[in-house]
Protein backbone atom coordinates (compact mmCIF):
# COMPACT_ATOMS: atom_id res chain seq x y z
CA MET A 1 80.86 82.88 101.38
CA ALA A 2 77.71 81.93 103.30
CA PRO A 3 74.41 83.24 101.94
CA ILE A 4 72.49 85.82 103.96
CA ALA A 5 68.76 85.25 104.35
CA ARG A 6 66.50 88.11 103.41
CA CYS A 7 65.26 90.60 105.98
CA ARG A 8 61.63 91.61 106.33
CA HIS A 9 62.30 95.07 107.77
CA HIS A 10 64.91 97.77 107.40
CA GLY A 11 65.34 101.29 108.76
CA ASP A 12 65.29 102.83 105.30
CA PRO A 13 61.82 102.23 103.79
CA ALA A 14 63.07 103.21 100.32
CA ARG A 15 65.69 100.46 100.25
CA TYR A 16 64.62 97.34 98.34
CA ALA A 17 67.62 95.02 98.02
CA LEU A 18 71.35 94.62 98.47
CA LEU A 19 73.30 92.38 96.09
CA VAL A 20 76.91 91.24 96.36
CA GLY A 21 78.47 89.53 93.37
CA GLU A 22 81.71 88.96 91.53
CA ILE A 23 82.92 90.43 88.23
CA ASP A 24 86.37 89.54 86.89
CA ALA A 25 87.30 88.03 90.28
CA ALA A 26 86.49 91.29 92.12
CA LEU A 27 83.69 91.62 94.66
CA VAL A 28 81.04 94.17 93.67
CA SER A 29 77.86 95.36 95.36
CA VAL A 30 74.74 97.25 94.36
CA THR A 31 71.85 98.65 96.37
CA VAL A 32 68.44 98.76 94.64
CA ARG A 33 65.81 101.20 95.88
CA ARG A 34 62.05 100.85 95.64
CA ASP A 35 61.80 103.34 92.77
CA GLY A 36 63.99 101.03 90.67
CA SER A 37 67.11 103.21 90.89
CA ALA A 38 70.39 101.59 91.90
CA THR A 39 73.71 102.71 93.34
CA GLY A 40 76.97 100.87 93.72
CA ASP A 41 79.57 99.35 91.43
CA ARG A 42 79.40 101.19 88.11
CA ALA A 43 80.70 98.30 86.00
CA TRP A 44 77.92 96.04 87.28
CA LEU A 45 75.27 98.69 86.68
CA ARG A 46 76.53 99.28 83.12
CA LEU A 47 76.32 95.55 82.36
CA ALA A 48 72.76 95.38 83.68
CA ASP A 49 71.67 98.49 81.75
CA ALA A 50 73.15 97.09 78.54
CA LEU A 51 71.16 93.88 78.93
CA ALA A 52 67.70 95.55 79.00
CA PRO A 53 65.79 92.43 77.89
CA PRO A 54 63.09 93.24 75.32
CA GLU A 55 60.91 90.61 77.01
CA GLN A 56 60.24 93.14 79.77
CA ALA A 57 57.91 95.13 77.54
CA ARG A 58 56.09 92.03 76.30
CA ALA A 59 55.68 90.82 79.90
CA GLY A 60 54.06 94.12 80.89
CA VAL A 61 56.70 94.90 83.51
CA ALA A 62 57.86 98.48 83.90
CA PRO A 63 61.66 98.93 83.54
CA GLU A 64 61.73 100.73 86.90
CA ASP A 65 60.31 97.66 88.67
CA PRO A 66 62.86 97.03 91.49
CA LEU A 67 62.52 93.25 91.26
CA THR A 68 63.31 93.50 87.55
CA ARG A 69 66.51 95.35 88.50
CA VAL A 70 67.45 92.70 91.07
CA LEU A 71 66.90 89.83 88.64
CA THR A 72 68.79 91.55 85.82
CA LEU A 73 71.73 92.35 88.11
CA SER A 74 71.84 88.75 89.34
CA ARG A 75 72.05 87.55 85.76
CA THR A 76 74.84 89.88 84.64
CA CYS A 77 77.52 89.26 87.27
CA ASP A 78 79.99 86.40 86.94
CA ARG A 79 78.92 84.95 90.29
CA LEU A 80 76.18 85.93 92.73
CA HIS A 81 77.25 85.74 96.38
CA ARG A 82 74.47 87.40 98.37
CA VAL A 83 70.97 88.72 97.88
CA ARG A 84 69.23 90.52 100.70
CA LEU A 85 65.67 91.64 100.06
CA TYR A 86 64.25 94.18 102.48
CA ASP A 87 60.59 93.96 103.51
CA ALA A 88 60.31 91.11 101.02
CA GLY A 89 56.80 90.21 102.08
CA ARG A 90 55.36 93.67 101.50
CA ARG A 91 53.28 94.03 98.36
CA ASP A 92 51.77 97.20 96.90
CA PRO A 93 49.20 96.15 94.27
CA GLY A 94 49.21 99.67 92.84
CA SER A 95 52.89 99.61 91.92
CA PRO A 96 54.82 97.74 89.21
CA THR A 97 56.27 95.44 91.88
CA GLY A 98 52.81 93.98 92.33
CA VAL A 99 53.27 92.27 88.97
CA VAL A 100 56.04 89.95 90.10
CA ALA A 101 56.39 90.31 93.87
CA ARG A 102 55.35 87.85 96.54
CA THR A 103 51.67 88.01 97.47
CA ASP A 104 50.33 88.47 101.01
CA GLU A 105 49.28 84.81 101.20
CA PRO A 106 51.18 82.59 103.68
CA ALA A 107 54.46 81.33 102.27
CA ALA A 108 54.38 77.78 100.92
CA PRO A 109 57.40 75.74 102.11
CA PHE A 110 59.74 74.65 99.33
CA ALA A 111 59.97 70.97 98.43
CA ALA A 112 61.82 69.09 95.71
CA THR A 113 60.89 65.53 94.73
CA ALA A 114 62.38 63.21 92.12
CA GLU A 115 60.88 60.31 90.20
CA ARG A 116 61.62 58.19 87.15
CA ARG A 117 59.25 58.25 84.19
CA GLY A 118 60.60 55.76 81.73
CA ASP A 119 63.96 57.07 80.54
CA ILE A 120 63.28 60.52 82.01
CA GLN A 121 64.24 61.70 85.48
CA VAL A 122 61.65 64.24 86.71
CA VAL A 123 62.53 66.73 89.45
CA ARG A 124 59.44 68.56 90.67
CA PHE A 125 59.57 71.84 92.63
CA ARG A 126 56.75 72.98 94.89
CA GLY A 127 56.24 76.14 96.95
CA GLU A 128 58.63 79.10 97.04
CA LEU A 129 62.13 78.91 95.58
CA ASP A 130 63.98 81.74 97.29
CA LEU A 131 67.37 82.35 98.85
CA VAL A 132 66.67 79.98 101.74
CA ALA A 133 65.64 77.12 99.43
CA ALA A 134 68.21 77.75 96.68
CA SER A 135 70.76 75.15 97.83
CA THR A 136 68.05 72.47 98.18
CA ALA A 137 66.88 73.10 94.62
CA ARG A 138 70.41 73.06 93.24
CA HIS A 139 71.27 69.78 94.98
CA ALA A 140 68.05 68.14 93.75
CA VAL A 141 68.97 68.87 90.13
CA GLU A 142 72.65 68.00 90.59
CA ALA A 143 71.74 64.61 92.13
CA ALA A 144 69.82 63.52 89.03
CA ALA A 145 71.83 60.99 87.03
CA CYS A 146 70.17 60.47 83.68
CA SER A 147 70.32 61.21 79.98
CA THR A 148 67.14 63.33 80.09
CA LEU A 149 66.15 65.52 83.03
CA GLU A 150 62.82 67.32 83.30
CA VAL A 151 62.54 70.11 85.88
CA ASP A 152 58.84 70.66 86.54
CA LEU A 153 57.92 74.10 87.89
CA ALA A 154 54.13 73.71 87.63
CA GLU A 155 53.68 73.81 91.41
CA LEU A 156 56.28 76.52 92.07
CA THR A 157 54.52 79.62 93.42
CA PHE A 158 57.43 82.08 93.81
CA LEU A 159 60.94 82.52 92.40
CA ASP A 160 63.42 85.17 93.46
CA ALA A 161 66.87 86.15 92.18
CA ALA A 162 68.78 83.65 94.32
CA GLY A 163 66.42 80.84 93.39
CA LEU A 164 66.71 81.66 89.71
CA ALA A 165 70.51 81.75 89.92
CA ALA A 166 70.57 78.34 91.67
CA LEU A 167 68.26 76.80 89.07
CA LEU A 168 70.29 78.12 86.14
CA SER A 169 73.59 77.04 87.70
CA ALA A 170 72.31 73.49 88.34
CA ARG A 171 70.88 73.32 84.81
CA GLU A 172 74.22 74.32 83.28
CA GLU A 173 76.08 71.72 85.37
CA ALA A 174 73.64 69.00 84.31
CA ILE A 175 74.11 69.95 80.64
CA ALA A 176 77.89 69.85 81.14
CA ARG A 177 77.49 66.24 82.38
CA GLY A 178 75.83 65.37 79.08
CA CYS A 179 72.27 65.48 80.36
CA HIS A 180 69.49 66.86 78.17
CA VAL A 181 67.55 69.27 80.42
CA ARG A 182 63.97 70.48 79.98
CA VAL A 183 62.42 73.14 82.23
CA VAL A 184 58.64 72.87 82.03
CA GLY A 185 55.43 73.99 83.71
CA ALA A 186 56.35 77.58 84.61
CA SER A 187 53.32 79.85 84.85
CA GLY A 188 52.11 83.04 86.50
CA ILE A 189 54.68 84.86 88.63
CA VAL A 190 57.36 82.24 87.98
CA ARG A 191 57.05 82.51 84.20
CA ARG A 192 57.10 86.30 84.45
CA VAL A 193 60.43 86.17 86.32
CA PHE A 194 61.93 84.32 83.35
CA ALA A 195 60.37 86.89 81.01
CA VAL A 196 61.68 90.01 82.75
CA THR A 197 65.22 88.60 82.81
CA GLY A 198 65.16 87.61 79.14
CA LEU A 199 65.38 83.91 79.96
CA GLN A 200 62.18 82.58 78.40
CA SER A 201 64.30 80.55 75.98
CA VAL A 202 65.24 78.33 78.96
CA LEU A 203 61.62 77.19 79.26
CA ASP A 204 60.12 74.31 77.27
CA GLY A 205 56.43 74.81 76.60
């Protein structure tokens, strides 16, 4: 199923995101609204509510943050097919979404570079890892053939649900090939995304 790029505008200003995933081989979908509420497949919503990562509180992110809901939902399905974020560039500094949402600065194009450092293969991400860039990031990690792989996120400025899913999937495949994987350098918004989804244990340092 081909991914759908995010939209910047939508007729319903309260609508934040639409997710389509798979649970037990069945397609499921959920709509997240800007107040953090969600409607759709009840099994998927129950899984996400049960997760409730305690890292959210330590990260200072309100549980009703809609991006928190999107990231948690993307983590709890068996497979994520589509993520459509509505008005993704809009930021309200007075709301909880201002904690982890994209800023109003021009988007930095995504780039992935690879280099050898002794026995370590380093894959470095720069710019914004979102739905559009997800396949590029996944392929960059999958192409690394080494015993130790370091994924450097120091120059990554944004990470959304699709980007996170691609990174985690590629990391798991590399581990399955017998590669020792380190994810380093995450800071700011990117580190907070890992925190609100309860995935800080993935990070090294």
